[in-house]
Amino acid sequence: MTCLPGLRPVVWLSSAVFKSEGVPRRIPPEELEARLKNGTARGGSLVTIKADETVCRQSDFDKNAPKVDEGSQVLYLFVPLDDSTLSPGHYREVLLPQHRYMLLLQPLDSRPLIADYQLNPNRSYYRGEEENRGVVPLDLPSIPARTHNPPEVVEKVRKLCSAMRPANPRDKLALLDQLAQSGDPVLAREAENAKNAVVL
């Protein structure tokens, strides 16, 4: 289970992937020819997802974090095709149309994406937390040789995020103490980690 307090992603439950489309990088024709010759042309995938529920918010962990919409909304994931920057054991996010996922997402700096790929400047773009590890399939078996948490993790994430919801830090700590004593070793570990993120 990902340590949410340290990573502080926003967690959504999605109902469906609407579409995934290739996005080439916009570069001058003469530069494109050179890049094609040496294999350095780059692009990415823009994935449009309907999110039904916000399970965790960055503002639950950091009062200065921007607020997110609690209701159903459309999210945009930008996944570069270049794997060279990924850590060993990490893979690009894979999301298939008409399937459901739990998404642990971090916002991207949209400015270079808008400049390089001519994306819509009025949208926010996201990336999976630790790439593929931030995309947990809820109605698909895990891809062999790739690390995905099983769907049962959703309930554990719900409990941890619910404990972090109260605005009063002492209320957060009281709920986290309950999880730490729940007898579930995963929840207990995550609750102890979360307690370290609570500022009184």
Protein backbone atom coordinates (compact mmCIF):
# COMPACT_ATOMS: atom_id res chain seq x y z
CA MET A 1 0.00 0.00 0.00
CA THR A 2 1.41 3.37 -0.96
CA CYS A 3 2.33 5.63 1.94
CA LEU A 4 -0.15 8.42 1.31
CA PRO A 5 1.10 10.94 3.88
CA GLY A 6 4.55 11.03 2.32
CA LEU A 7 3.38 11.18 -1.25
CA ARG A 8 0.16 13.13 -0.72
CA PRO A 9 -1.54 12.34 -4.02
CA VAL A 10 -5.17 13.08 -4.75
CA VAL A 11 -7.10 9.79 -4.87
CA TRP A 12 -10.10 9.34 -7.15
CA LEU A 13 -12.36 6.42 -8.05
CA SER A 14 -13.13 6.44 -11.76
CA SER A 15 -16.20 5.05 -13.50
CA ALA A 16 -14.73 4.84 -16.99
CA VAL A 17 -11.92 5.86 -19.30
CA PHE A 18 -13.52 7.94 -22.02
CA LYS A 19 -10.66 7.91 -24.50
CA SER A 20 -6.92 7.79 -24.95
CA GLU A 21 -5.29 9.70 -27.76
CA GLY A 22 -1.74 10.11 -29.00
CA VAL A 23 -0.24 13.58 -28.67
CA PRO A 24 2.90 14.33 -30.73
CA ARG A 25 5.34 16.95 -29.61
CA ARG A 26 5.08 20.09 -31.72
CA ILE A 27 8.54 20.86 -33.12
CA PRO A 28 9.79 22.61 -36.31
CA PRO A 29 9.92 20.40 -39.44
CA GLU A 30 13.72 20.58 -39.72
CA GLU A 31 14.16 19.56 -36.09
CA LEU A 32 11.60 16.78 -36.47
CA GLU A 33 13.55 15.25 -39.35
CA ALA A 34 16.73 15.17 -37.28
CA ARG A 35 14.91 13.68 -34.29
CA LEU A 36 13.32 10.97 -36.42
CA LYS A 37 16.73 10.01 -37.78
CA ASN A 38 18.32 9.60 -34.35
CA GLY A 39 15.23 8.22 -32.61
CA THR A 40 14.62 11.11 -30.22
CA ALA A 41 11.16 12.17 -31.42
CA ARG A 42 8.88 12.24 -28.41
CA GLY A 43 5.15 12.16 -27.79
CA GLY A 44 2.63 11.04 -25.21
CA SER A 45 -0.87 9.83 -24.51
CA LEU A 46 -3.66 12.07 -23.28
CA VAL A 47 -6.19 10.00 -21.32
CA THR A 48 -9.63 11.41 -20.49
CA ILE A 49 -11.28 9.89 -17.43
CA LYS A 50 -14.56 10.42 -15.60
CA ALA A 51 -13.95 10.42 -11.84
CA ASP A 52 -17.01 9.60 -9.72
CA GLU A 53 -15.60 10.19 -6.26
CA THR A 54 -12.75 11.99 -4.53
CA VAL A 55 -11.47 9.66 -1.81
CA CYS A 56 -8.41 11.63 -0.67
CA ARG A 57 -7.48 15.26 -1.08
CA GLN A 58 -4.07 16.87 -0.72
CA SER A 59 -5.74 19.46 1.51
CA ASP A 60 -6.47 16.66 4.03
CA PHE A 61 -2.71 16.41 4.55
CA ASP A 62 -1.67 19.98 3.81
CA LYS A 63 -3.98 22.87 4.68
CA ASN A 64 -2.19 25.07 2.11
CA ALA A 65 -2.87 22.67 -0.77
CA PRO A 66 -5.47 23.75 -3.34
CA LYS A 67 -9.01 22.44 -2.88
CA VAL A 68 -10.39 19.94 -5.39
CA ASP A 69 -13.94 19.42 -6.58
CA GLU A 70 -15.71 16.76 -4.50
CA GLY A 71 -18.21 15.76 -7.18
CA SER A 72 -18.00 13.89 -10.46
CA GLN A 73 -15.49 15.43 -12.80
CA VAL A 74 -13.39 14.83 -15.88
CA LEU A 75 -9.64 14.33 -15.39
CA TYR A 76 -6.83 14.52 -17.93
CA LEU A 77 -3.77 12.29 -17.57
CA PHE A 78 -0.74 13.01 -19.73
CA VAL A 79 1.57 9.99 -20.05
CA PRO A 80 4.87 10.55 -21.91
CA LEU A 81 5.93 7.74 -24.23
CA ASP A 82 9.56 8.07 -23.12
CA ASP A 83 10.41 5.45 -20.46
CA SER A 84 13.99 6.64 -19.95
CA THR A 85 13.19 8.73 -16.87
CA LEU A 86 11.32 5.96 -15.01
CA SER A 87 12.85 4.24 -12.00
CA PRO A 88 13.60 0.49 -12.22
CA GLY A 89 10.42 -1.52 -11.74
CA HIS A 90 8.18 1.38 -12.77
CA TYR A 91 6.18 1.48 -15.99
CA ARG A 92 4.04 3.94 -17.83
CA GLU A 93 0.42 4.07 -16.73
CA VAL A 94 -1.93 1.76 -18.63
CA LEU A 95 -5.64 2.62 -18.65
CA LEU A 96 -8.10 0.74 -20.83
CA PRO A 97 -11.41 2.17 -22.09
CA GLN A 98 -14.58 1.31 -20.17
CA HIS A 99 -12.77 -0.01 -17.09
CA ARG A 100 -12.68 1.33 -13.53
CA TYR A 101 -9.62 2.38 -11.57
CA MET A 102 -8.53 3.85 -8.30
CA LEU A 103 -6.24 6.72 -9.24
CA LEU A 104 -3.51 8.17 -7.04
CA LEU A 105 -2.54 11.27 -8.97
CA GLN A 106 -0.13 14.16 -8.73
CA PRO A 107 -0.74 17.38 -10.69
CA LEU A 108 1.74 18.13 -13.45
CA ASP A 109 3.27 21.47 -14.26
CA SER A 110 1.08 22.25 -17.26
CA ARG A 111 3.22 25.05 -18.67
CA PRO A 112 5.77 22.92 -20.56
CA LEU A 113 3.04 20.52 -21.69
CA ILE A 114 1.02 23.38 -23.15
CA ALA A 115 4.10 24.81 -24.87
CA ASP A 116 5.50 21.52 -26.22
CA TYR A 117 2.28 19.67 -27.06
CA GLN A 118 -0.18 22.55 -27.56
CA LEU A 119 -2.55 21.17 -24.95
CA ASN A 120 -5.56 23.11 -23.74
CA PRO A 121 -4.26 25.81 -21.34
CA ASN A 122 -7.56 25.85 -19.44
CA ARG A 123 -7.20 22.28 -18.16
CA SER A 124 -5.24 20.68 -15.35
CA TYR A 125 -3.13 17.63 -16.17
CA TYR A 126 -2.08 14.76 -13.91
CA ARG A 127 0.31 11.82 -13.74
CA GLY A 128 0.02 8.61 -11.75
CA GLU A 129 1.83 8.60 -8.41
CA GLU A 130 4.96 6.52 -9.09
CA GLU A 131 3.61 6.10 -12.63
CA ASN A 132 1.88 2.67 -12.93
CA ARG A 133 1.64 2.27 -9.16
CA GLY A 134 -0.81 5.16 -9.06
CA VAL A 135 -3.27 3.37 -11.36
CA VAL A 136 -5.02 0.50 -9.55
CA PRO A 137 -7.47 -1.54 -11.69
CA LEU A 138 -10.72 -2.33 -9.91
CA ASP A 139 -12.22 -4.71 -12.45
CA LEU A 140 -9.14 -6.12 -14.16
CA PRO A 141 -6.54 -8.65 -13.05
CA SER A 142 -3.11 -7.16 -12.39
CA ILE A 143 -0.78 -7.15 -15.37
CA PRO A 144 1.82 -9.92 -14.93
CA ALA A 145 5.23 -8.71 -13.73
CA ARG A 146 3.87 -5.27 -12.95
CA THR A 147 3.18 -4.10 -9.42
CA HIS A 148 -0.45 -3.18 -8.76
CA ASN A 149 -2.22 -3.17 -5.45
CA PRO A 150 -5.28 -5.46 -5.41
CA PRO A 151 -8.78 -3.93 -5.37
CA GLU A 152 -9.07 -4.67 -1.63
CA VAL A 153 -6.75 -1.73 -1.03
CA VAL A 154 -9.64 0.64 -1.79
CA GLU A 155 -11.25 -0.01 1.59
CA LYS A 156 -7.96 0.55 3.40
CA VAL A 157 -7.40 3.81 1.54
CA ARG A 158 -10.94 4.92 2.41
CA LYS A 159 -10.31 4.32 6.10
CA LEU A 160 -6.99 6.13 6.10
CA CYS A 161 -8.33 9.10 4.15
CA SER A 162 -11.44 9.31 6.34
CA ALA A 163 -9.19 9.55 9.38
CA MET A 164 -7.37 12.48 7.77
CA ARG A 165 -10.55 14.38 6.85
CA PRO A 166 -11.24 16.29 10.10
CA ALA A 167 -9.91 19.84 10.09
CA ASN A 168 -8.81 19.64 13.73
CA PRO A 169 -5.38 17.92 13.98
CA ARG A 170 -6.29 16.33 17.34
CA ASP A 171 -9.35 14.71 15.74
CA LYS A 172 -7.12 13.35 12.98
CA LEU A 173 -4.74 11.85 15.54
CA ALA A 174 -7.59 10.25 17.51
CA LEU A 175 -8.91 8.50 14.38
CA LEU A 176 -5.42 7.48 13.29
CA ASP A 177 -4.83 5.97 16.73
CA GLN A 178 -7.91 3.81 16.20
CA LEU A 179 -6.51 2.56 12.90
CA ALA A 180 -3.09 1.97 14.45
CA GLN A 181 -4.79 -0.33 17.00
CA SER A 182 -7.11 -1.99 14.47
CA GLY A 183 -5.08 -5.19 14.21
CA ASP A 184 -4.60 -4.70 10.46
CA PRO A 185 -0.80 -4.52 9.98
CA VAL A 186 -1.04 -2.47 6.78
CA LEU A 187 -3.46 0.07 8.23
CA ALA A 188 -1.47 0.22 11.46
CA ARG A 189 1.75 1.02 9.59
CA GLU A 190 0.10 3.63 7.37
CA ALA A 191 -1.68 5.21 10.34
CA GLU A 192 1.61 5.58 12.22
CA ASN A 193 3.18 7.18 9.14
CA ALA A 194 0.18 9.48 8.78
CA LYS A 195 0.46 10.59 12.41
CA ASN A 196 3.93 11.96 11.62
CA ALA A 197 2.38 14.16 8.94
CA VAL A 198 -0.14 15.77 11.30
CA VAL A 199 0.94 19.19 12.53
CA LEU A 200 -0.60 20.31 15.84
